Amino acid sequence: MKIIPNNIFSILNYVLNKFCPFILIAVLSFLKMGFESFEPYVIIGLVFFIYNFSYKVGYAVAICEERGFLDKDD
C-alpha cells in the first residue's frame, strides 16, 4: 500500500476551498437560468468582485490595526 504524503492533502484542501464555491455557483446558475440569460454572468461577476474586494478590505483593516489607526477588538 502506497502512503500519500500529507502535503498532497493540504494542496487538495486548498484547491477545493479556493475553486469549488466558484464552480458550484456557476454550475447551479447556468443550470437553473441557462446560457442565454444574462443573470448567471452577472452573478459570477459579482462573486469574483466580492471575493477580491473582501480580501482587500481584510488586508486594509489588518494594516490599519497594526499601525494604530483602529482599535483592536479584545
N, C-alpha and C. Protein backbone atom coordinates (compact mmCIF):
# COMPACT_ATOMS: atom_id res chain seq x y z
N MET A 1 0.84 -1.18 0.00
CA MET A 1 0.00 0.00 0.00
C MET A 1 0.88 1.24 0.00
N LYS A 2 0.59 2.15 -0.90
CA LYS A 2 1.36 3.36 -1.03
C LYS A 2 0.78 4.45 -0.11
N ILE A 3 1.63 5.09 0.65
CA ILE A 3 1.18 6.14 1.56
C ILE A 3 1.26 7.49 0.84
N ILE A 4 0.18 8.24 0.88
CA ILE A 4 0.13 9.55 0.23
C ILE A 4 0.69 10.59 1.20
N PRO A 5 1.63 11.42 0.73
CA PRO A 5 2.20 12.45 1.62
C PRO A 5 1.13 13.41 2.12
N ASN A 6 1.37 13.96 3.29
CA ASN A 6 0.41 14.86 3.93
C ASN A 6 0.24 16.16 3.16
N ASN A 7 1.30 16.61 2.47
CA ASN A 7 1.19 17.87 1.74
C ASN A 7 0.25 17.77 0.54
N ILE A 8 0.02 16.56 0.03
CA ILE A 8 -0.93 16.38 -1.06
C ILE A 8 -2.34 16.73 -0.57
N PHE A 9 -2.67 16.32 0.65
CA PHE A 9 -3.97 16.64 1.21
C PHE A 9 -4.10 18.13 1.49
N SER A 10 -3.02 18.76 1.88
CA SER A 10 -3.05 20.21 2.09
C SER A 10 -3.31 20.94 0.77
N ILE A 11 -2.66 20.50 -0.27
CA ILE A 11 -2.85 21.12 -1.59
C ILE A 11 -4.27 20.87 -2.08
N LEU A 12 -4.76 19.65 -1.93
CA LEU A 12 -6.11 19.32 -2.34
C LEU A 12 -7.14 20.14 -1.56
N ASN A 13 -6.95 20.28 -0.26
CA ASN A 13 -7.84 21.07 0.57
C ASN A 13 -7.86 22.52 0.13
N TYR A 14 -6.69 23.09 -0.16
CA TYR A 14 -6.61 24.47 -0.62
C TYR A 14 -7.34 24.65 -1.96
N VAL A 15 -7.09 23.75 -2.90
CA VAL A 15 -7.70 23.86 -4.23
C VAL A 15 -9.22 23.73 -4.14
N LEU A 16 -9.71 22.79 -3.34
CA LEU A 16 -11.15 22.62 -3.21
C LEU A 16 -11.80 23.82 -2.53
N ASN A 17 -11.18 24.36 -1.50
CA ASN A 17 -11.73 25.52 -0.82
C ASN A 17 -11.65 26.78 -1.68
N LYS A 18 -10.67 26.86 -2.53
CA LYS A 18 -10.48 28.05 -3.36
C LYS A 18 -11.43 28.06 -4.56
N PHE A 19 -11.59 26.93 -5.24
CA PHE A 19 -12.29 26.92 -6.52
C PHE A 19 -13.67 26.29 -6.51
N CYS A 20 -13.95 25.40 -5.58
CA CYS A 20 -15.25 24.71 -5.58
C CYS A 20 -16.45 25.66 -5.40
N PRO A 21 -16.36 26.66 -4.53
CA PRO A 21 -17.52 27.56 -4.44
C PRO A 21 -17.82 28.27 -5.76
N PHE A 22 -16.78 28.72 -6.47
CA PHE A 22 -16.99 29.38 -7.75
C PHE A 22 -17.60 28.43 -8.77
N ILE A 23 -17.07 27.23 -8.83
CA ILE A 23 -17.57 26.24 -9.79
C ILE A 23 -19.00 25.87 -9.47
N LEU A 24 -19.30 25.65 -8.20
CA LEU A 24 -20.65 25.27 -7.79
C LEU A 24 -21.66 26.38 -8.09
N ILE A 25 -21.32 27.62 -7.79
CA ILE A 25 -22.21 28.74 -8.08
C ILE A 25 -22.43 28.87 -9.58
N ALA A 26 -21.38 28.72 -10.37
CA ALA A 26 -21.51 28.82 -11.83
C ALA A 26 -22.39 27.71 -12.38
N VAL A 27 -22.14 26.48 -11.95
CA VAL A 27 -22.92 25.35 -12.47
C VAL A 27 -24.39 25.50 -12.10
N LEU A 28 -24.67 25.82 -10.84
CA LEU A 28 -26.07 25.97 -10.43
C LEU A 28 -26.76 27.13 -11.14
N SER A 29 -26.04 28.24 -11.32
CA SER A 29 -26.63 29.39 -12.01
C SER A 29 -26.96 29.06 -13.46
N PHE A 30 -26.01 28.45 -14.16
CA PHE A 30 -26.24 28.14 -15.57
C PHE A 30 -27.26 27.03 -15.76
N LEU A 31 -27.30 26.06 -14.86
CA LEU A 31 -28.30 25.00 -14.98
C LEU A 31 -29.71 25.55 -14.76
N LYS A 32 -29.84 26.45 -13.82
CA LYS A 32 -31.17 26.98 -13.49
C LYS A 32 -31.64 28.03 -14.51
N MET A 33 -30.74 28.91 -14.94
CA MET A 33 -31.15 30.03 -15.78
C MET A 33 -30.75 29.89 -17.24
N GLY A 34 -29.81 29.02 -17.55
CA GLY A 34 -29.39 28.81 -18.93
C GLY A 34 -28.29 29.77 -19.35
N PHE A 35 -27.69 29.47 -20.51
CA PHE A 35 -26.60 30.29 -21.03
C PHE A 35 -27.11 31.53 -21.76
N GLU A 36 -28.38 31.55 -22.12
CA GLU A 36 -28.91 32.66 -22.91
C GLU A 36 -29.21 33.90 -22.08
N SER A 37 -29.54 33.72 -20.81
CA SER A 37 -29.88 34.87 -19.97
C SER A 37 -28.62 35.51 -19.40
N PHE A 38 -28.73 36.76 -19.04
CA PHE A 38 -27.56 37.50 -18.56
C PHE A 38 -27.34 37.34 -17.05
N GLU A 39 -28.32 36.84 -16.31
CA GLU A 39 -28.21 36.77 -14.86
C GLU A 39 -27.03 35.91 -14.37
N PRO A 40 -26.79 34.72 -14.94
CA PRO A 40 -25.65 33.94 -14.44
C PRO A 40 -24.31 34.66 -14.60
N TYR A 41 -24.16 35.40 -15.70
CA TYR A 41 -22.92 36.12 -15.92
C TYR A 41 -22.75 37.25 -14.90
N VAL A 42 -23.85 37.91 -14.57
CA VAL A 42 -23.81 38.97 -13.56
C VAL A 42 -23.48 38.36 -12.19
N ILE A 43 -24.09 37.23 -11.88
CA ILE A 43 -23.85 36.56 -10.60
C ILE A 43 -22.39 36.16 -10.48
N ILE A 44 -21.83 35.57 -11.52
CA ILE A 44 -20.42 35.15 -11.50
C ILE A 44 -19.52 36.37 -11.33
N GLY A 45 -19.81 37.44 -12.05
CA GLY A 45 -19.01 38.66 -11.93
C GLY A 45 -19.07 39.23 -10.52
N LEU A 46 -20.25 39.24 -9.92
CA LEU A 46 -20.38 39.75 -8.56
C LEU A 46 -19.67 38.86 -7.54
N VAL A 47 -19.70 37.56 -7.76
CA VAL A 47 -18.99 36.65 -6.86
C VAL A 47 -17.48 36.92 -6.90
N PHE A 48 -16.92 37.11 -8.09
CA PHE A 48 -15.50 37.42 -8.20
C PHE A 48 -15.19 38.77 -7.57
N PHE A 49 -16.07 39.75 -7.75
CA PHE A 49 -15.88 41.06 -7.14
C PHE A 49 -15.89 40.96 -5.62
N ILE A 50 -16.86 40.23 -5.07
CA ILE A 50 -16.96 40.08 -3.62
C ILE A 50 -15.72 39.38 -3.07
N TYR A 51 -15.26 38.35 -3.75
CA TYR A 51 -14.08 37.61 -3.30
C TYR A 51 -12.86 38.51 -3.27
N ASN A 52 -12.65 39.25 -4.34
CA ASN A 52 -11.49 40.12 -4.44
C ASN A 52 -11.58 41.29 -3.46
N PHE A 53 -12.75 41.91 -3.36
CA PHE A 53 -12.93 43.08 -2.52
C PHE A 53 -12.83 42.72 -1.04
N SER A 54 -13.39 41.59 -0.62
CA SER A 54 -13.35 41.22 0.79
C SER A 54 -11.92 40.93 1.24
N TYR A 55 -11.10 40.36 0.36
CA TYR A 55 -9.70 40.14 0.71
C TYR A 55 -8.99 41.47 0.91
N LYS A 56 -9.21 42.41 0.01
CA LYS A 56 -8.54 43.70 0.11
C LYS A 56 -8.99 44.48 1.34
N VAL A 57 -10.28 44.39 1.68
CA VAL A 57 -10.78 45.07 2.88
C VAL A 57 -10.17 44.45 4.13
N GLY A 58 -10.11 43.14 4.19
CA GLY A 58 -9.50 42.47 5.33
C GLY A 58 -8.03 42.83 5.49
N TYR A 59 -7.33 42.91 4.38
CA TYR A 59 -5.92 43.30 4.42
C TYR A 59 -5.77 44.74 4.90
N ALA A 60 -6.63 45.64 4.41
CA ALA A 60 -6.56 47.04 4.82
C ALA A 60 -6.86 47.20 6.31
N VAL A 61 -7.84 46.47 6.82
CA VAL A 61 -8.17 46.53 8.24
C VAL A 61 -6.99 46.04 9.08
N ALA A 62 -6.35 44.97 8.64
CA ALA A 62 -5.19 44.45 9.38
C ALA A 62 -4.06 45.47 9.41
N ILE A 63 -3.81 46.14 8.30
CA ILE A 63 -2.76 47.17 8.25
C ILE A 63 -3.12 48.34 9.16
N CYS A 64 -4.38 48.77 9.13
CA CYS A 64 -4.80 49.89 9.98
C CYS A 64 -4.71 49.53 11.46
N GLU A 65 -5.06 48.31 11.83
CA GLU A 65 -4.94 47.89 13.22
C GLU A 65 -3.48 47.81 13.64
N GLU A 66 -2.62 47.35 12.74
CA GLU A 66 -1.20 47.23 13.06
C GLU A 66 -0.57 48.60 13.30
N ARG A 67 -0.98 49.59 12.53
CA ARG A 67 -0.39 50.92 12.63
C ARG A 67 -1.10 51.82 13.63
N GLY A 68 -2.13 51.30 14.28
CA GLY A 68 -2.79 52.04 15.34
C GLY A 68 -3.89 52.97 14.90
N PHE A 69 -4.35 52.85 13.67
CA PHE A 69 -5.45 53.70 13.21
C PHE A 69 -6.79 53.24 13.74
N LEU A 70 -6.91 51.96 14.02
CA LEU A 70 -8.14 51.37 14.55
C LEU A 70 -7.84 50.65 15.85
N ASP A 71 -8.82 50.60 16.73
CA ASP A 71 -8.67 49.83 17.96
C ASP A 71 -8.83 48.36 17.64
N LYS A 72 -8.00 47.53 18.25
CA LYS A 72 -8.13 46.09 18.07
C LYS A 72 -9.28 45.59 18.93
N ASP A 73 -10.04 44.63 18.39
CA ASP A 73 -11.12 44.02 19.16
C ASP A 73 -10.53 43.10 20.21
N ASP A 74 -10.97 43.25 21.44
CA ASP A 74 -10.48 42.39 22.52
C ASP A 74 -11.48 41.36 22.88
